[in-house]
Amino acid sequence: MSVATVLSAESLARIDREIAKYPADRRSSAVMSALAIAQQEKSWISEDIIEFVASYLDMPPIAVWEVATFYGMYNLEKPGQFKITICTNLPCALRGAEEAAEHLKKKLQIDFNQTSADGRFTLKEGECMGACVDAPVCIVNDRQMKSYMTPSNLDKLLDELKNR
């Protein structure tokens, strides 16, 4: 598998910058960043990505699998165009996250860890996102946090995403 066929030169440069943050004999310390960068480019972590990251960081593939499967932020299956992760931890739950999650499930006709029939939306349940004061919160495509996600605000978000 050639480097060029797996990730873009831009992603490789970003991974190299992450590797440079650690001592030369600790390349593997950049594994989480490398996986996040690869996922940002490809939208998910395939077996090819796991194998590539392992090779690039001089790690056994199983060690990369251990990281990828331990943390919920990595997509091990291809998500929809828009991945919505809603926090259901206690502070968000106390401020309506359960109702918001049920609203999304009904509106999208899916459950957590499923993708809508049209392939546009994947719904995930997430752990604390560190924005309890803005509860309930969700993150779109691992990058864009949305606050105060009441059912009406979720409807606005879905409309916005559908029009992209």
Protein backbone atom coordinates (compact mmCIF):
# COMPACT_ATOMS: atom_id res chain seq x y z
CA MET A 1 0.00 0.00 0.00
CA SER A 2 1.60 3.23 -1.09
CA VAL A 3 1.49 6.32 1.06
CA ALA A 4 -0.08 8.34 -1.77
CA THR A 5 -3.07 6.02 -2.05
CA VAL A 6 -3.99 6.19 1.62
CA LEU A 7 -3.81 9.84 2.70
CA SER A 8 -3.22 13.16 1.01
CA ALA A 9 0.10 14.99 1.23
CA GLU A 10 -1.62 17.61 3.40
CA SER A 11 -2.76 14.99 5.91
CA LEU A 12 0.68 13.40 5.96
CA ALA A 13 2.25 16.79 6.64
CA ARG A 14 -0.19 17.31 9.52
CA ILE A 15 0.69 13.89 10.95
CA ASP A 16 4.38 14.68 10.60
CA ARG A 17 3.84 17.88 12.63
CA GLU A 18 2.19 15.80 15.33
CA ILE A 19 5.04 13.27 15.31
CA ALA A 20 7.54 16.12 15.70
CA LYS A 21 6.02 16.99 19.08
CA TYR A 22 7.46 13.81 20.58
CA PRO A 23 10.97 12.36 20.97
CA ALA A 24 12.08 10.40 17.90
CA ASP A 25 11.70 7.06 19.69
CA ARG A 26 8.11 7.93 20.68
CA ARG A 27 6.46 8.28 17.25
CA SER A 28 3.62 6.12 18.48
CA SER A 29 2.56 8.92 20.83
CA ALA A 30 1.01 10.63 17.79
CA VAL A 31 -1.41 7.75 17.18
CA MET A 32 -4.55 9.54 18.37
CA SER A 33 -3.73 12.61 16.29
CA ALA A 34 -2.88 10.50 13.25
CA LEU A 35 -6.20 8.68 13.49
CA ALA A 36 -8.11 11.95 13.93
CA ILE A 37 -6.38 13.49 10.91
CA ALA A 38 -7.06 10.42 8.79
CA GLN A 39 -10.70 10.40 9.88
CA GLN A 40 -11.06 14.07 9.08
CA GLU A 41 -9.92 13.34 5.52
CA LYS A 42 -11.70 10.02 4.94
CA SER A 43 -14.67 10.38 7.36
CA TRP A 44 -13.90 7.02 8.97
CA ILE A 45 -11.14 4.65 10.05
CA SER A 46 -10.94 1.69 7.67
CA GLU A 47 -8.70 -1.34 8.04
CA ASP A 48 -6.38 0.24 5.43
CA ILE A 49 -6.08 3.36 7.57
CA ILE A 50 -5.28 1.28 10.66
CA GLU A 51 -2.59 -0.62 8.76
CA PHE A 52 -1.17 2.58 7.29
CA VAL A 53 -1.04 4.45 10.61
CA ALA A 54 0.61 1.45 12.25
CA SER A 55 3.27 1.33 9.56
CA TYR A 56 3.77 5.10 9.49
CA LEU A 57 4.21 5.27 13.27
CA ASP A 58 6.25 2.05 13.56
CA MET A 59 3.61 0.37 15.70
CA PRO A 60 2.01 -3.06 15.66
CA PRO A 61 -1.42 -2.81 13.96
CA ILE A 62 -3.11 -4.28 17.05
CA ALA A 63 -1.88 -1.31 19.10
CA VAL A 64 -3.58 1.09 16.67
CA TRP A 65 -6.76 -1.04 16.76
CA GLU A 66 -6.69 -0.83 20.56
CA VAL A 67 -6.72 2.97 20.40
CA ALA A 68 -9.31 3.15 17.62
CA THR A 69 -11.72 0.81 19.39
CA PHE A 70 -11.24 2.24 22.89
CA TYR A 71 -12.19 5.82 22.08
CA GLY A 72 -15.70 6.55 20.87
CA MET A 73 -14.59 9.46 18.68
CA TYR A 74 -13.30 7.23 15.90
CA ASN A 75 -15.72 6.05 13.23
CA LEU A 76 -15.00 2.40 12.52
CA GLU A 77 -17.84 2.32 9.99
CA LYS A 78 -18.53 4.89 7.32
CA PRO A 79 -20.94 7.48 8.76
CA GLY A 80 -23.53 9.51 6.94
CA GLN A 81 -22.69 12.88 5.44
CA PHE A 82 -23.52 14.47 8.80
CA LYS A 83 -22.63 12.71 12.03
CA ILE A 84 -24.52 14.18 14.97
CA THR A 85 -23.24 13.22 18.39
CA ILE A 86 -25.46 14.31 21.25
CA CYS A 87 -24.28 14.41 24.84
CA THR A 88 -26.51 12.47 27.22
CA ASN A 89 -24.38 12.78 30.36
CA LEU A 90 -26.05 14.02 33.53
CA PRO A 91 -25.77 17.82 33.08
CA CYS A 92 -27.13 17.61 29.54
CA ALA A 93 -29.73 15.05 30.59
CA LEU A 94 -30.94 17.36 33.35
CA ARG A 95 -31.42 20.08 30.75
CA GLY A 96 -33.32 18.05 28.18
CA ALA A 97 -30.81 15.86 26.32
CA GLU A 98 -32.99 12.76 26.60
CA GLU A 99 -35.92 14.60 25.03
CA ALA A 100 -33.60 16.05 22.37
CA ALA A 101 -32.16 12.61 21.57
CA GLU A 102 -35.62 11.09 21.28
CA HIS A 103 -36.66 13.97 19.02
CA LEU A 104 -33.68 13.30 16.73
CA LYS A 105 -34.38 9.57 16.65
CA LYS A 106 -38.00 10.18 15.68
CA LYS A 107 -37.20 12.91 13.16
CA LEU A 108 -34.40 10.91 11.47
CA GLN A 109 -36.17 7.55 11.94
CA ILE A 110 -33.01 5.97 13.34
CA ASP A 111 -31.53 5.00 16.68
CA PHE A 112 -28.09 5.67 18.09
CA ASN A 113 -25.30 4.14 15.96
CA GLN A 114 -27.48 4.09 12.87
CA THR A 115 -27.50 6.04 9.62
CA SER A 116 -30.62 7.41 7.96
CA ALA A 117 -31.95 5.62 4.88
CA ASP A 118 -30.78 8.45 2.62
CA GLY A 119 -27.23 8.17 4.02
CA ARG A 120 -27.18 11.77 5.17
CA PHE A 121 -27.32 11.46 8.97
CA THR A 122 -25.63 9.22 11.53
CA LEU A 123 -26.70 9.58 15.16
CA LYS A 124 -24.30 8.90 18.01
CA GLU A 125 -24.57 9.17 21.77
CA GLY A 126 -21.62 11.01 23.27
CA GLU A 127 -19.97 11.54 26.59
CA CYS A 128 -19.40 14.92 28.20
CA MET A 129 -18.30 17.55 25.72
CA GLY A 130 -17.27 20.07 28.35
CA ALA A 131 -20.01 22.60 27.59
CA CYS A 132 -22.45 21.81 30.40
CA VAL A 133 -23.50 25.44 30.72
CA ASP A 134 -24.82 25.27 27.12
CA ALA A 135 -26.68 21.99 27.63
CA PRO A 136 -27.93 20.09 25.85
CA VAL A 137 -25.12 20.08 23.30
CA CYS A 138 -24.18 18.11 20.22
CA ILE A 139 -21.26 18.01 17.83
CA VAL A 140 -21.66 17.83 14.07
CA ASN A 141 -18.99 15.87 12.17
CA ASP A 142 -16.62 15.89 15.15
CA ARG A 143 -15.89 19.59 14.62
CA GLN A 144 -18.83 21.91 15.15
CA MET A 145 -20.39 22.15 18.61
CA LYS A 146 -24.01 23.26 18.83
CA SER A 147 -25.50 24.57 22.07
CA TYR A 148 -29.00 24.66 23.57
CA MET A 149 -30.22 21.81 21.37
CA THR A 150 -33.91 21.86 22.19
CA PRO A 151 -36.21 20.06 19.76
CA SER A 152 -36.93 23.34 17.93
CA ASN A 153 -33.21 24.17 17.68
CA LEU A 154 -32.53 20.64 16.45
CA ASP A 155 -35.15 21.12 13.73
CA LYS A 156 -33.35 24.30 12.64
CA LEU A 157 -30.02 22.45 12.64
CA LEU A 158 -31.41 19.59 10.54
CA ASP A 159 -32.90 22.04 8.06
CA GLU A 160 -29.57 23.85 7.81
CA LEU A 161 -27.68 20.60 7.23
CA LYS A 162 -30.20 19.36 4.66
CA ASN A 163 -29.67 22.54 2.66
CA ARG A 164 -25.89 22.08 2.44
